[in-house]
Amino acid sequence: MLTLGVLAFALAGAALWRLRRELRELERQAHEMARRVEALPVELTKVFGTEDRYLISVELLNLFELAHKKTWVARPLTVLTPRLLRDAIHRKVVGRVRENLASAGVEADVRVHRVR
């Protein structure tokens, strides 16, 4: 009985491993196909849909430098909690962009999205 249970557990584990491998391959193929047709990343199609839209994308390349210029506390936080600091910086920058666009009379939906 115990042997059958162990065998069933091993077979289920092998099947799960195979399914995860197939899922990773399908995900890779989907990202590659989206890149070829210049589509939005899968994560963003859930938010913006699949119809034609024009989006302006901005990637902040010097997040930690910005934080280090603002406060001395940022340097230790960069080492201890980089993700927390990154999130705080993104929130601050999004707020500033919203304010600047609104003051210029631009109606915009400003959000932060994490894509792979």
PDB file of N, CA and C in Angstrom:
ATOM      1  N   MET A   1       0.813  -1.182   0.000  1.00  0.00           N
ATOM      2  CA  MET A   1       0.000   0.000   0.000  1.00  0.00           C
ATOM      3  C   MET A   1       0.872   1.269   0.000  1.00  0.00           C
ATOM      4  N   LEU A   2       1.851   1.267   0.882  1.00  0.00           N
ATOM      5  CA  LEU A   2       2.751   2.411   0.972  1.00  0.00           C
ATOM      6  C   LEU A   2       3.507   2.601  -0.331  1.00  0.00           C
ATOM      7  N   THR A   3       3.909   1.489  -0.932  1.00  0.00           N
ATOM      8  CA  THR A   3       4.640   1.552  -2.200  1.00  0.00           C
ATOM      9  C   THR A   3       3.774   2.169  -3.289  1.00  0.00           C
ATOM     10  N   LEU A   4       2.506   1.804  -3.338  1.00  0.00           N
ATOM     11  CA  LEU A   4       1.592   2.369  -4.328  1.00  0.00           C
ATOM     12  C   LEU A   4       1.398   3.869  -4.107  1.00  0.00           C
ATOM     13  N   GLY A   5       1.310   4.274  -2.853  1.00  0.00           N
ATOM     14  CA  GLY A   5       1.163   5.686  -2.530  1.00  0.00           C
ATOM     15  C   GLY A   5       2.372   6.492  -2.962  1.00  0.00           C
ATOM     16  N   VAL A   6       3.562   5.961  -2.688  1.00  0.00           N
ATOM     17  CA  VAL A   6       4.804   6.635  -3.084  1.00  0.00           C
ATOM     18  C   VAL A   6       4.896   6.699  -4.598  1.00  0.00           C
ATOM     19  N   LEU A   7       4.538   5.609  -5.272  1.00  0.00           N
ATOM     20  CA  LEU A   7       4.570   5.580  -6.741  1.00  0.00           C
ATOM     21  C   LEU A   7       3.588   6.593  -7.324  1.00  0.00           C
ATOM     22  N   ALA A   8       2.387   6.671  -6.758  1.00  0.00           N
ATOM     23  CA  ALA A   8       1.393   7.639  -7.244  1.00  0.00           C
ATOM     24  C   ALA A   8       1.880   9.070  -7.013  1.00  0.00           C
ATOM     25  N   PHE A   9       2.489   9.307  -5.870  1.00  0.00           N
ATOM     26  CA  PHE A   9       3.026  10.639  -5.572  1.00  0.00           C
ATOM     27  C   PHE A   9       4.137  11.003  -6.554  1.00  0.00           C
ATOM     28  N   ALA A  10       5.016  10.052  -6.853  1.00  0.00           N
ATOM     29  CA  ALA A  10       6.105  10.300  -7.800  1.00  0.00           C
ATOM     30  C   ALA A  10       5.565  10.575  -9.195  1.00  0.00           C
ATOM     31  N   LEU A  11       4.572   9.824  -9.622  1.00  0.00           N
ATOM     32  CA  LEU A  11       3.968  10.041 -10.945  1.00  0.00           C
ATOM     33  C   LEU A  11       3.277  11.404 -11.016  1.00  0.00           C
ATOM     34  N   ALA A  12       2.590  11.782  -9.941  1.00  0.00           N
ATOM     35  CA  ALA A  12       1.927  13.093  -9.915  1.00  0.00           C
ATOM     36  C   ALA A  12       2.971  14.208  -9.956  1.00  0.00           C
ATOM     37  N   GLY A  13       4.062  14.047  -9.229  1.00  0.00           N
ATOM     38  CA  GLY A  13       5.136  15.041  -9.251  1.00  0.00           C
ATOM     39  C   GLY A  13       5.751  15.169 -10.633  1.00  0.00           C
ATOM     40  N   ALA A  14       5.978  14.043 -11.298  1.00  0.00           N
ATOM     41  CA  ALA A  14       6.540  14.070 -12.652  1.00  0.00           C
ATOM     42  C   ALA A  14       5.580  14.750 -13.621  1.00  0.00           C
ATOM     43  N   ALA A  15       4.297  14.469 -13.483  1.00  0.00           N
ATOM     44  CA  ALA A  15       3.306  15.103 -14.364  1.00  0.00           C
ATOM     45  C   ALA A  15       3.250  16.605 -14.118  1.00  0.00           C
ATOM     46  N   LEU A  16       3.322  17.012 -12.864  1.00  0.00           N
ATOM     47  CA  LEU A  16       3.310  18.438 -12.526  1.00  0.00           C
ATOM     48  C   LEU A  16       4.545  19.125 -13.095  1.00  0.00           C
ATOM     49  N   TRP A  17       5.698  18.509 -12.978  1.00  0.00           N
ATOM     50  CA  TRP A  17       6.943  19.073 -13.513  1.00  0.00           C
ATOM     51  C   TRP A  17       6.831  19.244 -15.033  1.00  0.00           C
ATOM     52  N   ARG A  18       6.287  18.220 -15.723  1.00  0.00           N
ATOM     53  CA  ARG A  18       6.121  18.291 -17.177  1.00  0.00           C
ATOM     54  C   ARG A  18       5.166  19.411 -17.566  1.00  0.00           C
ATOM     55  N   LEU A  19       4.065  19.557 -16.838  1.00  0.00           N
ATOM     56  CA  LEU A  19       3.098  20.612 -17.139  1.00  0.00           C
ATOM     57  C   LEU A  19       3.697  21.999 -16.919  1.00  0.00           C
ATOM     58  N   ARG A  20       4.475  22.170 -15.864  1.00  0.00           N
ATOM     59  CA  ARG A  20       5.122  23.460 -15.617  1.00  0.00           C
ATOM     60  C   ARG A  20       6.121  23.785 -16.715  1.00  0.00           C
ATOM     61  N   ARG A  21       6.858  22.788 -17.174  1.00  0.00           N
ATOM     62  CA  ARG A  21       7.816  22.993 -18.263  1.00  0.00           C
ATOM     63  C   ARG A  21       7.081  23.414 -19.540  1.00  0.00           C
ATOM     64  N   GLU A  22       5.972  22.749 -19.844  1.00  0.00           N
ATOM     65  CA  GLU A  22       5.175  23.110 -21.019  1.00  0.00           C
ATOM     66  C   GLU A  22       4.618  24.520 -20.883  1.00  0.00           C
ATOM     67  N   LEU A  23       4.166  24.883 -19.693  1.00  0.00           N
ATOM     68  CA  LEU A  23       3.632  26.220 -19.459  1.00  0.00           C
ATOM     69  C   LEU A  23       4.697  27.283 -19.684  1.00  0.00           C
ATOM     70  N   ARG A  24       5.912  27.047 -19.181  1.00  0.00           N
ATOM     71  CA  ARG A  24       7.013  27.998 -19.398  1.00  0.00           C
ATOM     72  C   ARG A  24       7.309  28.161 -20.890  1.00  0.00           C
ATOM     73  N   GLU A  25       7.288  27.054 -21.626  1.00  0.00           N
ATOM     74  CA  GLU A  25       7.557  27.119 -23.058  1.00  0.00           C
ATOM     75  C   GLU A  25       6.451  27.878 -23.791  1.00  0.00           C
ATOM     76  N   LEU A  26       5.203  27.632 -23.437  1.00  0.00           N
ATOM     77  CA  LEU A  26       4.093  28.351 -24.062  1.00  0.00           C
ATOM     78  C   LEU A  26       4.148  29.842 -23.733  1.00  0.00           C
ATOM     79  N   GLU A  27       4.506  30.171 -22.500  1.00  0.00           N
ATOM     80  CA  GLU A  27       4.639  31.567 -22.097  1.00  0.00           C
ATOM     81  C   GLU A  27       5.744  32.247 -22.903  1.00  0.00           C
ATOM     82  N   ARG A  28       6.865  31.550 -23.074  1.00  0.00           N
ATOM     83  CA  ARG A  28       7.974  32.089 -23.862  1.00  0.00           C
ATOM     84  C   ARG A  28       7.540  32.319 -25.304  1.00  0.00           C
ATOM     85  N   GLN A  29       6.815  31.377 -25.871  1.00  0.00           N
ATOM     86  CA  GLN A  29       6.337  31.521 -27.249  1.00  0.00           C
ATOM     87  C   GLN A  29       5.357  32.686 -27.378  1.00  0.00           C
ATOM     88  N   ALA A  30       4.477  32.850 -26.400  1.00  0.00           N
ATOM     89  CA  ALA A  30       3.512  33.953 -26.435  1.00  0.00           C
ATOM     90  C   ALA A  30       4.229  35.299 -26.380  1.00  0.00           C
ATOM     91  N   HIS A  31       5.229  35.426 -25.518  1.00  0.00           N
ATOM     92  CA  HIS A  31       5.987  36.679 -25.425  1.00  0.00           C
ATOM     93  C   HIS A  31       6.746  36.948 -26.722  1.00  0.00           C
ATOM     94  N   GLU A  32       7.305  35.904 -27.309  1.00  0.00           N
ATOM     95  CA  GLU A  32       8.035  36.064 -28.568  1.00  0.00           C
ATOM     96  C   GLU A  32       7.083  36.500 -29.686  1.00  0.00           C
ATOM     97  N   MET A  33       5.925  35.891 -29.760  1.00  0.00           N
ATOM     98  CA  MET A  33       4.946  36.248 -30.788  1.00  0.00           C
ATOM     99  C   MET A  33       4.471  37.685 -30.595  1.00  0.00           C
ATOM    100  N   ALA A  34       4.210  38.072 -29.358  1.00  0.00           N
ATOM    101  CA  ALA A  34       3.776  39.442 -29.073  1.00  0.00           C
ATOM    102  C   ALA A  34       4.862  40.433 -29.475  1.00  0.00           C
ATOM    103  N   ARG A  35       6.114  40.092 -29.225  1.00  0.00           N
ATOM    104  CA  ARG A  35       7.220  40.974 -29.609  1.00  0.00           C
ATOM    105  C   ARG A  35       7.284  41.123 -31.125  1.00  0.00           C
ATOM    106  N   ARG A  36       7.061  40.042 -31.831  1.00  0.00           N
ATOM    107  CA  ARG A  36       7.122  40.084 -33.300  1.00  0.00           C
ATOM    108  C   ARG A  36       6.053  40.982 -33.896  1.00  0.00           C
ATOM    109  N   VAL A  37       4.876  40.968 -33.317  1.00  0.00           N
ATOM    110  CA  VAL A  37       3.785  41.779 -33.864  1.00  0.00           C
ATOM    111  C   VAL A  37       3.658  43.110 -33.150  1.00  0.00           C
ATOM    112  N   GLU A  38       4.625  43.420 -32.289  1.00  0.00           N
ATOM    113  CA  GLU A  38       4.658  44.668 -31.537  1.00  0.00           C
ATOM    114  C   GLU A  38       3.392  44.868 -30.709  1.00  0.00           C
ATOM    115  N   ALA A  39       2.921  43.796 -30.134  1.00  0.00           N
ATOM    116  CA  ALA A  39       1.733  43.861 -29.275  1.00  0.00           C
ATOM    117  C   ALA A  39       2.152  44.236 -27.861  1.00  0.00           C
ATOM    118  N   LEU A  40       1.168  44.632 -27.091  1.00  0.00           N
ATOM    119  CA  LEU A  40       1.424  44.894 -25.679  1.00  0.00           C
ATOM    120  C   LEU A  40       1.807  43.593 -24.983  1.00  0.00           C
ATOM    121  N   PRO A  41       2.603  43.673 -23.938  1.00  0.00           N
ATOM    122  CA  PRO A  41       2.863  42.467 -23.147  1.00  0.00           C
ATOM    123  C   PRO A  41       1.557  41.914 -22.598  1.00  0.00           C
ATOM    124  N   VAL A  42       1.527  40.616 -22.399  1.00  0.00           N
ATOM    125  CA  VAL A  42       0.304  39.943 -21.939  1.00  0.00           C
ATOM    126  C   VAL A  42      -0.241  40.592 -20.676  1.00  0.00           C
ATOM    127  N   GLU A  43       0.649  40.990 -19.772  1.00  0.00           N
ATOM    128  CA  GLU A  43       0.206  41.595 -18.517  1.00  0.00           C
ATOM    129  C   GLU A  43      -0.581  42.883 -18.760  1.00  0.00           C
ATOM    130  N   LEU A  44      -0.236  43.622 -19.816  1.00  0.00           N
ATOM    131  CA  LEU A  44      -0.903  44.899 -20.081  1.00  0.00           C
ATOM    132  C   LEU A  44      -2.178  44.747 -20.901  1.00  0.00           C
ATOM    133  N   THR A  45      -2.326  43.663 -21.652  1.00  0.00           N
ATOM    134  CA  THR A  45      -3.568  43.487 -22.406  1.00  0.00           C
ATOM    135  C   THR A  45      -4.752  43.304 -21.467  1.00  0.00           C
ATOM    136  N   LYS A  46      -4.487  42.805 -20.254  1.00  0.00           N
ATOM    137  CA  LYS A  46      -5.564  42.672 -19.268  1.00  0.00           C
ATOM    138  C   LYS A  46      -6.077  44.037 -18.841  1.00  0.00           C
ATOM    139  N   VAL A  47      -5.204  45.039 -18.850  1.00  0.00           N
ATOM    140  CA  VAL A  47      -5.559  46.381 -18.413  1.00  0.00           C
ATOM    141  C   VAL A  47      -6.093  47.212 -19.577  1.00  0.00           C
ATOM    142  N   PHE A  48      -5.387  47.169 -20.712  1.00  0.00           N
ATOM    143  CA  PHE A  48      -5.705  48.059 -21.828  1.00  0.00           C
ATOM    144  C   PHE A  48      -6.513  47.401 -22.936  1.00  0.00           C
ATOM    145  N   GLY A  49      -6.676  46.101 -22.908  1.00  0.00           N
ATOM    146  CA  GLY A  49      -7.397  45.411 -23.966  1.00  0.00           C
ATOM    147  C   GLY A  49      -6.497  45.177 -25.173  1.00  0.00           C
ATOM    148  N   THR A  50      -7.117  44.727 -26.264  1.00  0.00           N
ATOM    149  CA  THR A  50      -6.328  44.387 -27.448  1.00  0.00           C
ATOM    150  C   THR A  50      -6.610  45.293 -28.642  1.00  0.00           C
ATOM    151  N   GLU A  51      -7.529  46.249 -28.483  1.00  0.00           N
ATOM    152  CA  GLU A  51      -7.803  47.153 -29.596  1.00  0.00           C
ATOM    153  C   GLU A  51      -6.653  48.142 -29.781  1.00  0.00           C
ATOM    154  N   ASP A  52      -6.602  48.775 -30.942  1.00  0.00           N
ATOM    155  CA  ASP A  52      -5.529  49.731 -31.229  1.00  0.00           C
ATOM    156  C   ASP A  52      -5.607  50.923 -30.281  1.00  0.00           C
ATOM    157  N   ARG A  53      -4.495  51.241 -29.679  1.00  0.00           N
ATOM    158  CA  ARG A  53      -4.367  52.400 -28.804  1.00  0.00           C
ATOM    159  C   ARG A  53      -2.947  52.907 -28.930  1.00  0.00           C
ATOM    160  N   TYR A  54      -2.782  54.165 -28.640  1.00  0.00           N
ATOM    161  CA  TYR A  54      -1.443  54.743 -28.594  1.00  0.00           C
ATOM    162  C   TYR A  54      -1.085  54.972 -27.137  1.00  0.00           C
ATOM    163  N   LEU A  55       0.022  54.392 -26.726  1.00  0.00           N
ATOM    164  CA  LEU A  55       0.486  54.522 -25.353  1.00  0.00           C
ATOM    165  C   LEU A  55       1.893  55.099 -25.371  1.00  0.00           C
ATOM    166  N   ILE A  56       2.166  55.915 -24.402  1.00  0.00           N
ATOM    167  CA  ILE A  56       3.522  56.429 -24.231  1.00  0.00           C
ATOM    168  C   ILE A  56       4.118  55.677 -23.048  1.00  0.00           C
ATOM    169  N   SER A  57       5.250  55.076 -23.279  1.00  0.00           N
ATOM    170  CA  SER A  57       5.871  54.301 -22.213  1.00  0.00           C
ATOM    171  C   SER A  57       7.142  54.997 -21.757  1.00  0.00           C
ATOM    172  N   VAL A  58       7.360  54.977 -20.454  1.00  0.00           N
ATOM    173  CA  VAL A  58       8.551  55.592 -19.868  1.00  0.00           C
ATOM    174  C   VAL A  58       9.161  54.582 -18.906  1.00  0.00           C
ATOM    175  N   GLU A  59      10.438  54.313 -19.083  1.00  0.00           N
ATOM    176  CA  GLU A  59      11.144  53.444 -18.146  1.00  0.00           C
ATOM    177  C   GLU A  59      12.154  54.299 -17.391  1.00  0.00           C
ATOM    178  N   LEU A  60      12.031  54.325 -16.090  1.00  0.00           N
ATOM    179  CA  LEU A  60      12.951  55.108 -15.261  1.00  0.00           C
ATOM    180  C   LEU A  60      14.243  54.309 -15.085  1.00  0.00           C
ATOM    181  N   LEU A  61      15.329  54.868 -15.568  1.00  0.00           N
ATOM    182  CA  LEU A  61      16.595  54.140 -15.579  1.00  0.00           C
ATOM    183  C   LEU A  61      17.497  54.461 -14.388  1.00  0.00           C
ATOM    184  N   ASN A  62      17.243  55.552 -13.715  1.00  0.00           N
ATOM    185  CA  ASN A  62      18.113  55.944 -12.599  1.00  0.00           C
ATOM    186  C   ASN A  62      17.320  56.138 -11.308  1.00  0.00           C
ATOM    187  N   LEU A  63      16.486  55.162 -10.981  1.00  0.00           N
ATOM    188  CA  LEU A  63      15.626  55.267  -9.794  1.00  0.00           C
ATOM    189  C   LEU A  63      16.408  55.549  -8.525  1.00  0.00           C
ATOM    190  N   PHE A  64      17.427  54.764  -8.289  1.00  0.00           N
ATOM    191  CA  PHE A  64      18.137  54.889  -7.023  1.00  0.00           C
ATOM    192  C   PHE A  64      18.959  56.165  -6.961  1.00  0.00           C
ATOM    193  N   GLU A  65      19.464  56.606  -8.082  1.00  0.00           N
ATOM    194  CA  GLU A  65      20.177  57.892  -8.099  1.00  0.00           C
ATOM    195  C   GLU A  65      19.232  59.025  -7.714  1.00  0.00           C
ATOM    196  N   LEU A  66      18.019  58.990  -8.234  1.00  0.00           N
ATOM    197  CA  LEU A  66      17.024  60.003  -7.864  1.00  0.00           C
ATOM    198  C   LEU A  66      16.781  59.997  -6.357  1.00  0.00           C
ATOM    199  N   ALA A  67      16.619  58.814  -5.813  1.00  0.00           N
ATOM    200  CA  ALA A  67      16.357  58.696  -4.381  1.00  0.00           C
ATOM    201  C   ALA A  67      17.553  59.179  -3.569  1.00  0.00           C
ATOM    202  N   HIS A  68      18.750  58.837  -4.000  1.00  0.00           N
ATOM    203  CA  HIS A  68      19.950  59.225  -3.257  1.00  0.00           C
ATOM    204  C   HIS A  68      20.115  60.742  -3.238  1.00  0.00           C
ATOM    205  N   LYS A  69      19.677  61.419  -4.301  1.00  0.00           N
ATOM    206  CA  LYS A  69      19.777  62.880  -4.340  1.00  0.00           C
ATOM    207  C   LYS A  69      18.791  63.538  -3.378  1.00  0.00           C
ATOM    208  N   LYS A  70      17.655  62.888  -3.138  1.00  0.00           N
ATOM    209  CA  LYS A  70      16.607  63.485  -2.309  1.00  0.00           C
ATOM    210  C   LYS A  70      16.855  63.348  -0.816  1.00  0.00           C
ATOM    211  N   THR A  71      17.374  62.190  -0.396  1.00  0.00           N
ATOM    212  CA  THR A  71      17.526  61.961   1.043  1.00  0.00           C
ATOM    213  C   THR A  71      18.659  60.973   1.314  1.00  0.00           C
ATOM    214  N   TRP A  72      19.304  61.152   2.438  1.00  0.00           N
ATOM    215  CA  TRP A  72      20.402  60.271   2.816  1.00  0.00           C
ATOM    216  C   TRP A  72      19.897  58.881   3.209  1.00  0.00           C
ATOM    217  N   VAL A  73      18.634  58.765   3.572  1.00  0.00           N
ATOM    218  CA  VAL A  73      18.054  57.493   4.008  1.00  0.00           C
ATOM    219  C   VAL A  73      17.947  56.501   2.848  1.00  0.00           C
ATOM    220  N   ALA A  74      17.917  57.021   1.621  1.00  0.00           N
ATOM    221  CA  ALA A  74      17.718  56.159   0.465  1.00  0.00           C
ATOM    222  C   ALA A  74      18.858  55.164   0.268  1.00  0.00           C
ATOM    223  N   ARG A  75      20.081  55.578   0.548  1.00  0.00           N
ATOM    224  CA  ARG A  75      21.224  54.685   0.301  1.00  0.00           C
ATOM    225  C   ARG A  75      21.128  53.384   1.116  1.00  0.00           C
ATOM    226  N   PRO A  76      20.893  53.441   2.429  1.00  0.00           N
ATOM    227  CA  PRO A  76      20.748  52.171   3.158  1.00  0.00           C
ATOM    228  C   PRO A  76      19.510  51.383   2.722  1.00  0.00           C
ATOM    229  N   LEU A  77      18.436  52.095   2.366  1.00  0.00           N
ATOM    230  CA  LEU A  77      17.227  51.395   1.912  1.00  0.00           C
ATOM    231  C   LEU A  77      17.457  50.671   0.593  1.00  0.00           C
ATOM    232  N   THR A  78      18.335  51.213  -0.243  1.00  0.00           N
ATOM    233  CA  THR A  78      18.649  50.567  -1.512  1.00  0.00           C
ATOM    234  C   THR A  78      19.216  49.179  -1.263  1.00  0.00           C
ATOM    235  N   VAL A  79      20.014  49.059  -0.232  1.00  0.00           N
ATOM    236  CA  VAL A  79      20.628  47.772   0.095  1.00  0.00           C
ATOM    237  C   VAL A  79      19.640  46.859   0.817  1.00  0.00           C
ATOM    238  N   LEU A  80      18.906  47.410   1.763  1.00  0.00           N
ATOM    239  CA  LEU A  80      18.033  46.593   2.603  1.00  0.00           C
ATOM    240  C   LEU A  80      16.714  46.211   1.927  1.00  0.00           C
ATOM    241  N   THR A  81      16.056  47.184   1.313  1.00  0.00           N
ATOM    242  CA  THR A  81      14.730  46.929   0.722  1.00  0.00           C
ATOM    243  C   THR A  81      14.610  47.617  -0.636  1.00  0.00           C
ATOM    244  N   PRO A  82      15.340  47.135  -1.632  1.00  0.00           N
ATOM    245  CA  PRO A  82      15.311  47.810  -2.926  1.00  0.00           C
ATOM    246  C   PRO A  82      13.918  47.842  -3.572  1.00  0.00           C
ATOM    247  N   ARG A  83      13.152  46.785  -3.411  1.00  0.00           N
ATOM    248  CA  ARG A  83      11.820  46.766  -4.027  1.00  0.00           C
ATOM    249  C   ARG A  83      10.886  47.788  -3.376  1.00  0.00           C
ATOM    250  N   LEU A  84      10.943  47.885  -2.072  1.00  0.00           N
ATOM    251  CA  LEU A  84      10.124  48.860  -1.352  1.00  0.00           C
ATOM    252  C   LEU A  84      10.491  50.283  -1.778  1.00  0.00           C
ATOM    253  N   LEU A  85      11.778  50.552  -1.873  1.00  0.00           N
ATOM    254  CA  LEU A  85      12.237  51.869  -2.307  1.00  0.00           C
ATOM    255  C   LEU A  85      11.812  52.141  -3.744  1.00  0.00           C
ATOM    256  N   ARG A  86      11.936  51.130  -4.609  1.00  0.00           N
ATOM    257  CA  ARG A  86      11.532  51.276  -6.010  1.00  0.00           C
ATOM    258  C   ARG A  86      10.051  51.624  -6.108  1.00  0.00           C
ATOM    259  N   ASP A  87       9.219  50.929  -5.313  1.00  0.00           N
ATOM    260  CA  ASP A  87       7.777  51.202  -5.322  1.00  0.00           C
ATOM    261  C   ASP A  87       7.480  52.627  -4.864  1.00  0.00           C
ATOM    262  N   ALA A  88       8.170  53.077  -3.828  1.00  0.00           N
ATOM    263  CA  ALA A  88       7.961  54.437  -3.315  1.00  0.00           C
ATOM    264  C   ALA A  88       8.361  55.476  -4.364  1.00  0.00           C
ATOM    265  N   ILE A  89       9.454  55.241  -5.044  1.00  0.00           N
ATOM    266  CA  ILE A  89       9.902  56.179  -6.079  1.00  0.00           C
ATOM    267  C   ILE A  89       8.896  56.227  -7.220  1.00  0.00           C
ATOM    268  N   HIS A  90       8.417  55.061  -7.639  1.00  0.00           N
ATOM    269  CA  HIS A  90       7.423  55.038  -8.717  1.00  0.00           C
ATOM    270  C   HIS A  90       6.171  55.819  -8.335  1.00  0.00           C
ATOM    271  N   ARG A  91       5.691  55.630  -7.100  1.00  0.00           N
ATOM    272  CA  ARG A  91       4.496  56.369  -6.654  1.00  0.00           C
ATOM    273  C   ARG A  91       4.749  57.872  -6.694  1.00  0.00           C
ATOM    274  N   LYS A  92       5.909  58.293  -6.246  1.00  0.00           N
ATOM    275  CA  LYS A  92       6.248  59.718  -6.221  1.00  0.00           C
ATOM    276  C   LYS A  92       6.311  60.280  -7.643  1.00  0.00           C
ATOM    277  N   VAL A  93       6.974  59.563  -8.543  1.00  0.00           N
ATOM    278  CA  VAL A  93       7.116  60.034  -9.926  1.00  0.00           C
ATOM    279  C   VAL A  93       5.757  60.069 -10.620  1.00  0.00           C
ATOM    280  N   VAL A  94       4.931  59.063 -10.394  1.00  0.00           N
ATOM    281  CA  VAL A  94       3.592  59.044 -11.002  1.00  0.00           C
ATOM    282  C   VAL A  94       2.792  60.251 -10.531  1.00  0.00           C
ATOM    283  N   GLY A  95       2.878  60.573  -9.254  1.00  0.00           N
ATOM    284  CA  GLY A  95       2.183  61.751  -8.737  1.00  0.00           C
ATOM    285  C   GLY A  95       2.648  63.024  -9.407  1.00  0.00           C
ATOM    286  N   ARG A  96       3.957  63.160  -9.575  1.00  0.00           N
ATOM    287  CA  ARG A  96       4.488  64.360 -10.228  1.00  0.00           C
ATOM    288  C   ARG A  96       4.057  64.445 -11.688  1.00  0.00           C
ATOM    289  N   VAL A  97       4.094  63.320 -12.377  1.00  0.00           N
ATOM    290  CA  VAL A  97       3.682  63.323 -13.792  1.00  0.00           C
ATOM    291  C   VAL A  97       2.215  63.702 -13.905  1.00  0.00           C
ATOM    292  N   ARG A  98       1.379  63.138 -13.048  1.00  0.00           N
ATOM    293  CA  ARG A  98      -0.054  63.498 -13.047  1.00  0.00           C
ATOM    294  C   ARG A  98      -0.238  64.993 -12.852  1.00  0.00           C
ATOM    295  N   GLU A  99       0.450  65.542 -11.847  1.00  0.00           N
ATOM    296  CA  GLU A  99       0.330  66.975 -11.557  1.00  0.00           C
ATOM    297  C   GLU A  99       0.788  67.827 -12.735  1.00  0.00           C
ATOM    298  N   ASN A 100       1.931  67.483 -13.306  1.00  0.00           N
ATOM    299  CA  ASN A 100       2.463  68.260 -14.426  1.00  0.00           C
ATOM    300  C   ASN A 100       1.559  68.198 -15.650  1.00  0.00           C
ATOM    301  N   LEU A 101       1.038  67.031 -15.944  1.00  0.00           N
ATOM    302  CA  LEU A 101       0.139  66.904 -17.092  1.00  0.00           C
ATOM    303  C   LEU A 101      -1.161  67.664 -16.847  1.00  0.00           C
ATOM    304  N   ALA A 102      -1.712  67.532 -15.651  1.00  0.00           N
ATOM    305  CA  ALA A 102      -2.959  68.232 -15.323  1.00  0.00           C
ATOM    306  C   ALA A 102      -2.764  69.739 -15.395  1.00  0.00           C
ATOM    307  N   SER A 103      -1.632  70.233 -14.907  1.00  0.00           N
ATOM    308  CA  SER A 103      -1.393  71.683 -14.954  1.00  0.00           C
ATOM    309  C   SER A 103      -1.216  72.170 -16.388  1.00  0.00           C
ATOM    310  N   ALA A 104      -0.851  71.269 -17.301  1.00  0.00           N
ATOM    311  CA  ALA A 104      -0.713  71.631 -18.709  1.00  0.00           C
ATOM    312  C   ALA A 104      -2.022  71.403 -19.470  1.00  0.00           C
ATOM    313  N   GLY A 105      -3.075  70.983 -18.752  1.00  0.00           N
ATOM    314  CA  GLY A 105      -4.371  70.767 -19.392  1.00  0.00           C
ATOM    315  C   GLY A 105      -4.502  69.427 -20.099  1.00  0.00           C
ATOM    316  N   VAL A 106      -3.615  68.497 -19.809  1.00  0.00           N
ATOM    317  CA  VAL A 106      -3.643  67.175 -20.459  1.00  0.00           C
ATOM    318  C   VAL A 106      -4.436  66.203 -19.590  1.00  0.00           C
ATOM    319  N   GLU A 107      -5.419  65.559 -20.210  1.00  0.00           N
ATOM    320  CA  GLU A 107      -6.158  64.505 -19.517  1.00  0.00           C
ATOM    321  C   GLU A 107      -5.423  63.197 -19.783  1.00  0.00           C
ATOM    322  N   ALA A 108      -4.912  62.578 -18.745  1.00  0.00           N
ATOM    323  CA  ALA A 108      -4.122  61.360 -18.914  1.00  0.00           C
ATOM    324  C   ALA A 108      -4.397  60.383 -17.785  1.00  0.00           C
ATOM    325  N   ASP A 109      -4.286  59.128 -18.103  1.00  0.00           N
ATOM    326  CA  ASP A 109      -4.388  58.049 -17.120  1.00  0.00           C
ATOM    327  C   ASP A 109      -2.964  57.573 -16.880  1.00  0.00           C
ATOM    328  N   VAL A 110      -2.376  57.995 -15.774  1.00  0.00           N
ATOM    329  CA  VAL A 110      -0.971  57.682 -15.479  1.00  0.00           C
ATOM    330  C   VAL A 110      -0.943  56.548 -14.471  1.00  0.00           C
ATOM    331  N   ARG A 111      -0.301  55.449 -14.846  1.00  0.00           N
ATOM    332  CA  ARG A 111      -0.230  54.260 -13.984  1.00  0.00           C
ATOM    333  C   ARG A 111       1.165  53.659 -14.062  1.00  0.00           C
ATOM    334  N   VAL A 112       1.450  52.805 -13.093  1.00  0.00           N
ATOM    335  CA  VAL A 112       2.689  52.037 -13.111  1.00  0.00           C
ATOM    336  C   VAL A 112       2.317  50.587 -13.406  1.00  0.00           C
ATOM    337  N   HIS A 113       3.028  49.991 -14.338  1.00  0.00           N
ATOM    338  CA  HIS A 113       2.820  48.584 -14.679  1.00  0.00           C
ATOM    339  C   HIS A 113       4.157  47.877 -14.639  1.00  0.00           C
ATOM    340  N   ARG A 114       4.160  46.707 -14.103  1.00  0.00           N
ATOM    341  CA  ARG A 114       5.383  45.897 -14.082  1.00  0.00           C
ATOM    342  C   ARG A 114       5.248  44.833 -15.164  1.00  0.00           C
ATOM    343  N   VAL A 115       6.161  44.840 -16.103  1.00  0.00           N
ATOM    344  CA  VAL A 115       6.152  43.842 -17.161  1.00  0.00           C
ATOM    345  C   VAL A 115       7.478  43.119 -17.174  1.00  0.00           C
ATOM    346  N   ARG A 116       7.450  41.962 -17.727  1.00  0.00           N
ATOM    347  CA  ARG A 116       8.682  41.148 -17.785  1.00  0.00           C
ATOM    348  C   ARG A 116       9.426  41.397 -19.051  1.00  0.00           C
TER     349      ARG A 116
END
